[in-house]
Amino acid sequence: MEIFLYILVGIASIIGFFMMGLDKSYARKKKWRIPERTFWVTALVGGAPGAWFGMIYFRHKTKHVLFQYGMPLLTIGWMLILLY
């Protein structure tokens, strides 16, 4: 069970990271965007660390207060779950 959680967080984080980059690219090109709900679902199932890193790396969604505080809090939550 423990290894499953590590794999889940790892894969979801990779997806979250690349979603941030893809959405940033779409924003620059004024194309269809990834819904914020999709980011939050990905973060809730374990992708918060990757999405948070993607926010910083791509400088995307950093002005949204919900993202500024929500992603770090979810990341801390997932790290506590993994450490427990």
PDB file of N, CA and C in Angstrom:
ATOM      1  N   MET A   1       0.820  -1.197   0.000  1.00  0.00           N
ATOM      2  CA  MET A   1       0.000   0.000   0.000  1.00  0.00           C
ATOM      3  C   MET A   1       0.865   1.263   0.000  1.00  0.00           C
ATOM      4  N   GLU A   2       1.930   1.229   0.773  1.00  0.00           N
ATOM      5  CA  GLU A   2       2.802   2.388   0.898  1.00  0.00           C
ATOM      6  C   GLU A   2       3.450   2.748  -0.444  1.00  0.00           C
ATOM      7  N   ILE A   3       3.944   1.766  -1.142  1.00  0.00           N
ATOM      8  CA  ILE A   3       4.598   2.018  -2.427  1.00  0.00           C
ATOM      9  C   ILE A   3       3.595   2.575  -3.437  1.00  0.00           C
ATOM     10  N   PHE A   4       2.342   2.130  -3.335  1.00  0.00           N
ATOM     11  CA  PHE A   4       1.296   2.634  -4.219  1.00  0.00           C
ATOM     12  C   PHE A   4       1.135   4.140  -4.067  1.00  0.00           C
ATOM     13  N   LEU A   5       1.171   4.636  -2.825  1.00  0.00           N
ATOM     14  CA  LEU A   5       1.025   6.074  -2.588  1.00  0.00           C
ATOM     15  C   LEU A   5       2.196   6.850  -3.179  1.00  0.00           C
ATOM     16  N   TYR A   6       3.408   6.321  -3.028  1.00  0.00           N
ATOM     17  CA  TYR A   6       4.574   6.991  -3.605  1.00  0.00           C
ATOM     18  C   TYR A   6       4.477   7.057  -5.132  1.00  0.00           C
ATOM     19  N   ILE A   7       4.052   5.974  -5.734  1.00  0.00           N
ATOM     20  CA  ILE A   7       3.896   5.932  -7.188  1.00  0.00           C
ATOM     21  C   ILE A   7       2.794   6.888  -7.628  1.00  0.00           C
ATOM     22  N   LEU A   8       1.683   6.893  -6.895  1.00  0.00           N
ATOM     23  CA  LEU A   8       0.564   7.781  -7.207  1.00  0.00           C
ATOM     24  C   LEU A   8       0.999   9.240  -7.164  1.00  0.00           C
ATOM     25  N   VAL A   9       1.663   9.632  -6.095  1.00  0.00           N
ATOM     26  CA  VAL A   9       2.109  11.018  -5.957  1.00  0.00           C
ATOM     27  C   VAL A   9       3.139  11.355  -7.038  1.00  0.00           C
ATOM     28  N   GLY A  10       4.026  10.434  -7.335  1.00  0.00           N
ATOM     29  CA  GLY A  10       5.034  10.677  -8.370  1.00  0.00           C
ATOM     30  C   GLY A  10       4.416  10.889  -9.742  1.00  0.00           C
ATOM     31  N   ILE A  11       3.530  10.014 -10.141  1.00  0.00           N
ATOM     32  CA  ILE A  11       2.906  10.130 -11.464  1.00  0.00           C
ATOM     33  C   ILE A  11       1.997  11.350 -11.534  1.00  0.00           C
ATOM     34  N   ALA A  12       1.187  11.552 -10.498  1.00  0.00           N
ATOM     35  CA  ALA A  12       0.283  12.707 -10.484  1.00  0.00           C
ATOM     36  C   ALA A  12       1.070  14.016 -10.474  1.00  0.00           C
ATOM     37  N   SER A  13       2.206  14.036  -9.801  1.00  0.00           N
ATOM     38  CA  SER A  13       3.034  15.245  -9.761  1.00  0.00           C
ATOM     39  C   SER A  13       3.628  15.553 -11.125  1.00  0.00           C
ATOM     40  N   ILE A  14       4.063  14.541 -11.821  1.00  0.00           N
ATOM     41  CA  ILE A  14       4.580  14.744 -13.179  1.00  0.00           C
ATOM     42  C   ILE A  14       3.484  15.305 -14.073  1.00  0.00           C
ATOM     43  N   ILE A  15       2.293  14.744 -13.951  1.00  0.00           N
ATOM     44  CA  ILE A  15       1.155  15.233 -14.741  1.00  0.00           C
ATOM     45  C   ILE A  15       0.836  16.680 -14.367  1.00  0.00           C
ATOM     46  N   GLY A  16       0.797  16.985 -13.066  1.00  0.00           N
ATOM     47  CA  GLY A  16       0.510  18.344 -12.610  1.00  0.00           C
ATOM     48  C   GLY A  16       1.527  19.352 -13.113  1.00  0.00           C
ATOM     49  N   PHE A  17       2.798  18.968 -13.080  1.00  0.00           N
ATOM     50  CA  PHE A  17       3.861  19.845 -13.567  1.00  0.00           C
ATOM     51  C   PHE A  17       3.672  20.159 -15.052  1.00  0.00           C
ATOM     52  N   PHE A  18       3.473  19.129 -15.855  1.00  0.00           N
ATOM     53  CA  PHE A  18       3.332  19.349 -17.290  1.00  0.00           C
ATOM     54  C   PHE A  18       2.027  20.050 -17.649  1.00  0.00           C
ATOM     55  N   MET A  19       0.989  19.855 -16.840  1.00  0.00           N
ATOM     56  CA  MET A  19      -0.257  20.585 -17.075  1.00  0.00           C
ATOM     57  C   MET A  19      -0.047  22.084 -16.902  1.00  0.00           C
ATOM     58  N   MET A  20       0.734  22.472 -15.902  1.00  0.00           N
ATOM     59  CA  MET A  20       1.021  23.898 -15.700  1.00  0.00           C
ATOM     60  C   MET A  20       1.756  24.475 -16.913  1.00  0.00           C
ATOM     61  N   GLY A  21       2.738  23.755 -17.407  1.00  0.00           N
ATOM     62  CA  GLY A  21       3.478  24.222 -18.577  1.00  0.00           C
ATOM     63  C   GLY A  21       2.612  24.303 -19.814  1.00  0.00           C
ATOM     64  N   LEU A  22       1.778  23.296 -20.006  1.00  0.00           N
ATOM     65  CA  LEU A  22       0.898  23.268 -21.168  1.00  0.00           C
ATOM     66  C   LEU A  22      -0.112  24.411 -21.104  1.00  0.00           C
ATOM     67  N   ASP A  23      -0.694  24.632 -19.934  1.00  0.00           N
ATOM     68  CA  ASP A  23      -1.675  25.701 -19.792  1.00  0.00           C
ATOM     69  C   ASP A  23      -1.026  27.068 -19.986  1.00  0.00           C
ATOM     70  N   LYS A  24       0.189  27.235 -19.510  1.00  0.00           N
ATOM     71  CA  LYS A  24       0.914  28.495 -19.717  1.00  0.00           C
ATOM     72  C   LYS A  24       1.141  28.730 -21.212  1.00  0.00           C
ATOM     73  N   SER A  25       1.501  27.679 -21.917  1.00  0.00           N
ATOM     74  CA  SER A  25       1.702  27.779 -23.359  1.00  0.00           C
ATOM     75  C   SER A  25       0.396  28.152 -24.069  1.00  0.00           C
ATOM     76  N   TYR A  26      -0.694  27.511 -23.653  1.00  0.00           N
ATOM     77  CA  TYR A  26      -2.001  27.824 -24.240  1.00  0.00           C
ATOM     78  C   TYR A  26      -2.393  29.270 -23.953  1.00  0.00           C
ATOM     79  N   ALA A  27      -2.088  29.752 -22.753  1.00  0.00           N
ATOM     80  CA  ALA A  27      -2.429  31.129 -22.388  1.00  0.00           C
ATOM     81  C   ALA A  27      -1.692  32.126 -23.274  1.00  0.00           C
ATOM     82  N   ARG A  28      -0.438  31.864 -23.528  1.00  0.00           N
ATOM     83  CA  ARG A  28       0.346  32.769 -24.378  1.00  0.00           C
ATOM     84  C   ARG A  28      -0.180  32.802 -25.806  1.00  0.00           C
ATOM     85  N   LYS A  29      -0.663  31.645 -26.283  1.00  0.00           N
ATOM     86  CA  LYS A  29      -1.159  31.545 -27.652  1.00  0.00           C
ATOM     87  C   LYS A  29      -2.650  31.875 -27.759  1.00  0.00           C
ATOM     88  N   LYS A  30      -3.261  32.232 -26.621  1.00  0.00           N
ATOM     89  CA  LYS A  30      -4.691  32.547 -26.561  1.00  0.00           C
ATOM     90  C   LYS A  30      -5.541  31.400 -27.090  1.00  0.00           C
ATOM     91  N   LYS A  31      -5.168  30.180 -26.701  1.00  0.00           N
ATOM     92  CA  LYS A  31      -5.907  28.981 -27.082  1.00  0.00           C
ATOM     93  C   LYS A  31      -6.797  28.524 -25.929  1.00  0.00           C
ATOM     94  N   TRP A  32      -7.516  27.429 -26.179  1.00  0.00           N
ATOM     95  CA  TRP A  32      -8.340  26.802 -25.148  1.00  0.00           C
ATOM     96  C   TRP A  32      -7.469  26.466 -23.955  1.00  0.00           C
ATOM     97  N   ARG A  33      -7.997  26.689 -22.741  1.00  0.00           N
ATOM     98  CA  ARG A  33      -7.231  26.522 -21.514  1.00  0.00           C
ATOM     99  C   ARG A  33      -7.688  25.292 -20.736  1.00  0.00           C
ATOM    100  N   ILE A  34      -6.807  24.798 -19.904  1.00  0.00           N
ATOM    101  CA  ILE A  34      -7.133  23.698 -19.001  1.00  0.00           C
ATOM    102  C   ILE A  34      -7.942  24.283 -17.846  1.00  0.00           C
ATOM    103  N   PRO A  35      -9.119  23.725 -17.550  1.00  0.00           N
ATOM    104  CA  PRO A  35      -9.938  24.265 -16.458  1.00  0.00           C
ATOM    105  C   PRO A  35      -9.223  24.155 -15.107  1.00  0.00           C
ATOM    106  N   GLU A  36      -9.436  25.157 -14.238  1.00  0.00           N
ATOM    107  CA  GLU A  36      -8.814  25.143 -12.918  1.00  0.00           C
ATOM    108  C   GLU A  36      -9.243  23.921 -12.112  1.00  0.00           C
ATOM    109  N   ARG A  37     -10.456  23.484 -12.324  1.00  0.00           N
ATOM    110  CA  ARG A  37     -10.946  22.282 -11.626  1.00  0.00           C
ATOM    111  C   ARG A  37     -10.037  21.083 -11.903  1.00  0.00           C
ATOM    112  N   THR A  38      -9.535  20.982 -13.115  1.00  0.00           N
ATOM    113  CA  THR A  38      -8.645  19.884 -13.479  1.00  0.00           C
ATOM    114  C   THR A  38      -7.349  19.947 -12.682  1.00  0.00           C
ATOM    115  N   PHE A  39      -6.824  21.153 -12.493  1.00  0.00           N
ATOM    116  CA  PHE A  39      -5.621  21.313 -11.673  1.00  0.00           C
ATOM    117  C   PHE A  39      -5.882  20.850 -10.241  1.00  0.00           C
ATOM    118  N   TRP A  40      -7.028  21.243  -9.698  1.00  0.00           N
ATOM    119  CA  TRP A  40      -7.331  20.901  -8.305  1.00  0.00           C
ATOM    120  C   TRP A  40      -7.576  19.410  -8.116  1.00  0.00           C
ATOM    121  N   VAL A  41      -8.248  18.785  -9.072  1.00  0.00           N
ATOM    122  CA  VAL A  41      -8.464  17.330  -8.970  1.00  0.00           C
ATOM    123  C   VAL A  41      -7.120  16.610  -9.024  1.00  0.00           C
ATOM    124  N   THR A  42      -6.262  17.026  -9.937  1.00  0.00           N
ATOM    125  CA  THR A  42      -4.928  16.426 -10.039  1.00  0.00           C
ATOM    126  C   THR A  42      -4.151  16.618  -8.742  1.00  0.00           C
ATOM    127  N   ALA A  43      -4.235  17.813  -8.168  1.00  0.00           N
ATOM    128  CA  ALA A  43      -3.536  18.105  -6.912  1.00  0.00           C
ATOM    129  C   ALA A  43      -4.083  17.257  -5.764  1.00  0.00           C
ATOM    130  N   LEU A  44      -5.386  17.101  -5.704  1.00  0.00           N
ATOM    131  CA  LEU A  44      -6.002  16.339  -4.615  1.00  0.00           C
ATOM    132  C   LEU A  44      -5.644  14.860  -4.659  1.00  0.00           C
ATOM    133  N   VAL A  45      -5.448  14.316  -5.845  1.00  0.00           N
ATOM    134  CA  VAL A  45      -5.102  12.888  -5.943  1.00  0.00           C
ATOM    135  C   VAL A  45      -3.602  12.644  -5.850  1.00  0.00           C
ATOM    136  N   GLY A  46      -2.842  13.701  -5.548  1.00  0.00           N
ATOM    137  CA  GLY A  46      -1.413  13.502  -5.324  1.00  0.00           C
ATOM    138  C   GLY A  46      -0.496  14.372  -6.154  1.00  0.00           C
ATOM    139  N   GLY A  47      -1.041  15.161  -7.047  1.00  0.00           N
ATOM    140  CA  GLY A  47      -0.205  15.953  -7.942  1.00  0.00           C
ATOM    141  C   GLY A  47       0.165  17.331  -7.439  1.00  0.00           C
ATOM    142  N   ALA A  48      -0.164  17.641  -6.193  1.00  0.00           N
ATOM    143  CA  ALA A  48       0.120  18.976  -5.652  1.00  0.00           C
ATOM    144  C   ALA A  48       1.608  19.341  -5.691  1.00  0.00           C
ATOM    145  N   PRO A  49       2.529  18.438  -5.317  1.00  0.00           N
ATOM    146  CA  PRO A  49       3.946  18.832  -5.373  1.00  0.00           C
ATOM    147  C   PRO A  49       4.398  19.234  -6.782  1.00  0.00           C
ATOM    148  N   GLY A  50       4.010  18.473  -7.764  1.00  0.00           N
ATOM    149  CA  GLY A  50       4.397  18.792  -9.137  1.00  0.00           C
ATOM    150  C   GLY A  50       3.720  20.040  -9.656  1.00  0.00           C
ATOM    151  N   ALA A  51       2.438  20.218  -9.321  1.00  0.00           N
ATOM    152  CA  ALA A  51       1.723  21.407  -9.757  1.00  0.00           C
ATOM    153  C   ALA A  51       2.315  22.649  -9.111  1.00  0.00           C
ATOM    154  N   TRP A  52       2.680  22.553  -7.843  1.00  0.00           N
ATOM    155  CA  TRP A  52       3.284  23.692  -7.144  1.00  0.00           C
ATOM    156  C   TRP A  52       4.639  24.038  -7.765  1.00  0.00           C
ATOM    157  N   PHE A  53       5.450  23.020  -8.030  1.00  0.00           N
ATOM    158  CA  PHE A  53       6.733  23.259  -8.679  1.00  0.00           C
ATOM    159  C   PHE A  53       6.524  23.844 -10.077  1.00  0.00           C
ATOM    160  N   GLY A  54       5.502  23.347 -10.787  1.00  0.00           N
ATOM    161  CA  GLY A  54       5.177  23.875 -12.115  1.00  0.00           C
ATOM    162  C   GLY A  54       4.743  25.327 -12.062  1.00  0.00           C
ATOM    163  N   MET A  55       3.996  25.699 -11.024  1.00  0.00           N
ATOM    164  CA  MET A  55       3.602  27.097 -10.852  1.00  0.00           C
ATOM    165  C   MET A  55       4.831  27.989 -10.766  1.00  0.00           C
ATOM    166  N   ILE A  56       5.794  27.556  -9.974  1.00  0.00           N
ATOM    167  CA  ILE A  56       7.002  28.345  -9.774  1.00  0.00           C
ATOM    168  C   ILE A  56       7.865  28.344 -11.042  1.00  0.00           C
ATOM    169  N   TYR A  57       8.069  27.167 -11.613  1.00  0.00           N
ATOM    170  CA  TYR A  57       8.948  27.028 -12.769  1.00  0.00           C
ATOM    171  C   TYR A  57       8.427  27.799 -13.987  1.00  0.00           C
ATOM    172  N   PHE A  58       7.137  27.656 -14.262  1.00  0.00           N
ATOM    173  CA  PHE A  58       6.543  28.302 -15.440  1.00  0.00           C
ATOM    174  C   PHE A  58       5.972  29.686 -15.132  1.00  0.00           C
ATOM    175  N   ARG A  59       6.012  30.094 -13.855  1.00  0.00           N
ATOM    176  CA  ARG A  59       5.418  31.359 -13.415  1.00  0.00           C
ATOM    177  C   ARG A  59       3.976  31.460 -13.881  1.00  0.00           C
ATOM    178  N   HIS A  60       3.216  30.449 -13.517  1.00  0.00           N
ATOM    179  CA  HIS A  60       1.827  30.342 -13.969  1.00  0.00           C
ATOM    180  C   HIS A  60       0.913  30.185 -12.766  1.00  0.00           C
ATOM    181  N   LYS A  61      -0.178  30.915 -12.753  1.00  0.00           N
ATOM    182  CA  LYS A  61      -1.186  30.895 -11.684  1.00  0.00           C
ATOM    183  C   LYS A  61      -0.624  31.413 -10.363  1.00  0.00           C
ATOM    184  N   THR A  62       0.470  32.127 -10.399  1.00  0.00           N
ATOM    185  CA  THR A  62       1.105  32.581  -9.168  1.00  0.00           C
ATOM    186  C   THR A  62       0.395  33.790  -8.557  1.00  0.00           C
ATOM    187  N   LYS A  63      -0.443  34.465  -9.315  1.00  0.00           N
ATOM    188  CA  LYS A  63      -1.175  35.614  -8.780  1.00  0.00           C
ATOM    189  C   LYS A  63      -2.544  35.214  -8.229  1.00  0.00           C
ATOM    190  N   HIS A  64      -2.958  33.987  -8.454  1.00  0.00           N
ATOM    191  CA  HIS A  64      -4.228  33.497  -7.927  1.00  0.00           C
ATOM    192  C   HIS A  64      -4.029  33.111  -6.456  1.00  0.00           C
ATOM    193  N   VAL A  65      -4.722  33.791  -5.569  1.00  0.00           N
ATOM    194  CA  VAL A  65      -4.550  33.569  -4.131  1.00  0.00           C
ATOM    195  C   VAL A  65      -4.847  32.114  -3.761  1.00  0.00           C
ATOM    196  N   LEU A  66      -5.881  31.543  -4.358  1.00  0.00           N
ATOM    197  CA  LEU A  66      -6.227  30.156  -4.050  1.00  0.00           C
ATOM    198  C   LEU A  66      -5.083  29.210  -4.412  1.00  0.00           C
ATOM    199  N   PHE A  67      -4.427  29.473  -5.514  1.00  0.00           N
ATOM    200  CA  PHE A  67      -3.291  28.652  -5.916  1.00  0.00           C
ATOM    201  C   PHE A  67      -2.063  28.952  -5.054  1.00  0.00           C
ATOM    202  N   GLN A  68      -1.859  30.220  -4.701  1.00  0.00           N
ATOM    203  CA  GLN A  68      -0.700  30.615  -3.883  1.00  0.00           C
ATOM    204  C   GLN A  68      -0.666  29.865  -2.561  1.00  0.00           C
ATOM    205  N   TYR A  69      -1.829  29.684  -1.960  1.00  0.00           N
ATOM    206  CA  TYR A  69      -1.885  29.042  -0.650  1.00  0.00           C
ATOM    207  C   TYR A  69      -2.347  27.589  -0.722  1.00  0.00           C
ATOM    208  N   GLY A  70      -3.199  27.297  -1.680  1.00  0.00           N
ATOM    209  CA  GLY A  70      -3.758  25.952  -1.776  1.00  0.00           C
ATOM    210  C   GLY A  70      -2.750  24.888  -2.180  1.00  0.00           C
ATOM    211  N   MET A  71      -1.953  25.176  -3.192  1.00  0.00           N
ATOM    212  CA  MET A  71      -0.977  24.171  -3.651  1.00  0.00           C
ATOM    213  C   MET A  71       0.081  23.865  -2.591  1.00  0.00           C
ATOM    214  N   PRO A  72       0.653  24.887  -1.932  1.00  0.00           N
ATOM    215  CA  PRO A  72       1.607  24.560  -0.869  1.00  0.00           C
ATOM    216  C   PRO A  72       0.968  23.768   0.275  1.00  0.00           C
ATOM    217  N   LEU A  73      -0.258  24.121   0.647  1.00  0.00           N
ATOM    218  CA  LEU A  73      -0.926  23.392   1.731  1.00  0.00           C
ATOM    219  C   LEU A  73      -1.209  21.940   1.345  1.00  0.00           C
ATOM    220  N   LEU A  74      -1.670  21.735   0.112  1.00  0.00           N
ATOM    221  CA  LEU A  74      -1.900  20.363  -0.348  1.00  0.00           C
ATOM    222  C   LEU A  74      -0.590  19.585  -0.437  1.00  0.00           C
ATOM    223  N   THR A  75       0.465  20.253  -0.852  1.00  0.00           N
ATOM    224  CA  THR A  75       1.774  19.600  -0.919  1.00  0.00           C
ATOM    225  C   THR A  75       2.218  19.169   0.468  1.00  0.00           C
ATOM    226  N   ILE A  76       2.079  20.053   1.443  1.00  0.00           N
ATOM    227  CA  ILE A  76       2.434  19.699   2.819  1.00  0.00           C
ATOM    228  C   ILE A  76       1.578  18.542   3.303  1.00  0.00           C
ATOM    229  N   GLY A  77       0.301  18.585   2.980  1.00  0.00           N
ATOM    230  CA  GLY A  77      -0.587  17.483   3.355  1.00  0.00           C
ATOM    231  C   GLY A  77      -0.140  16.154   2.774  1.00  0.00           C
ATOM    232  N   TRP A  78       0.197  16.150   1.505  1.00  0.00           N
ATOM    233  CA  TRP A  78       0.650  14.912   0.877  1.00  0.00           C
ATOM    234  C   TRP A  78       1.991  14.439   1.447  1.00  0.00           C
ATOM    235  N   MET A  79       2.867  15.374   1.751  1.00  0.00           N
ATOM    236  CA  MET A  79       4.157  14.981   2.352  1.00  0.00           C
ATOM    237  C   MET A  79       3.935  14.366   3.739  1.00  0.00           C
ATOM    238  N   LEU A  80       3.001  14.919   4.500  1.00  0.00           N
ATOM    239  CA  LEU A  80       2.692  14.343   5.818  1.00  0.00           C
ATOM    240  C   LEU A  80       2.088  12.947   5.676  1.00  0.00           C
ATOM    241  N   ILE A  81       1.227  12.771   4.686  1.00  0.00           N
ATOM    242  CA  ILE A  81       0.639  11.445   4.440  1.00  0.00           C
ATOM    243  C   ILE A  81       1.747  10.442   4.094  1.00  0.00           C
ATOM    244  N   LEU A  82       2.668  10.841   3.228  1.00  0.00           N
ATOM    245  CA  LEU A  82       3.744   9.942   2.816  1.00  0.00           C
ATOM    246  C   LEU A  82       4.703   9.639   3.962  1.00  0.00           C
ATOM    247  N   LEU A  83       4.925  10.613   4.833  1.00  0.00           N
ATOM    248  CA  LEU A  83       5.826  10.390   5.978  1.00  0.00           C
ATOM    249  C   LEU A  83       5.180   9.530   7.061  1.00  0.00           C
ATOM    250  N   TYR A  84       3.863   9.611   7.165  1.00  0.00           N
ATOM    251  CA  TYR A  84       3.154   8.854   8.177  1.00  0.00           C
ATOM    252  C   TYR A  84       3.195   7.383   7.834  1.00  0.00           C
TER     253      TYR A  84
END
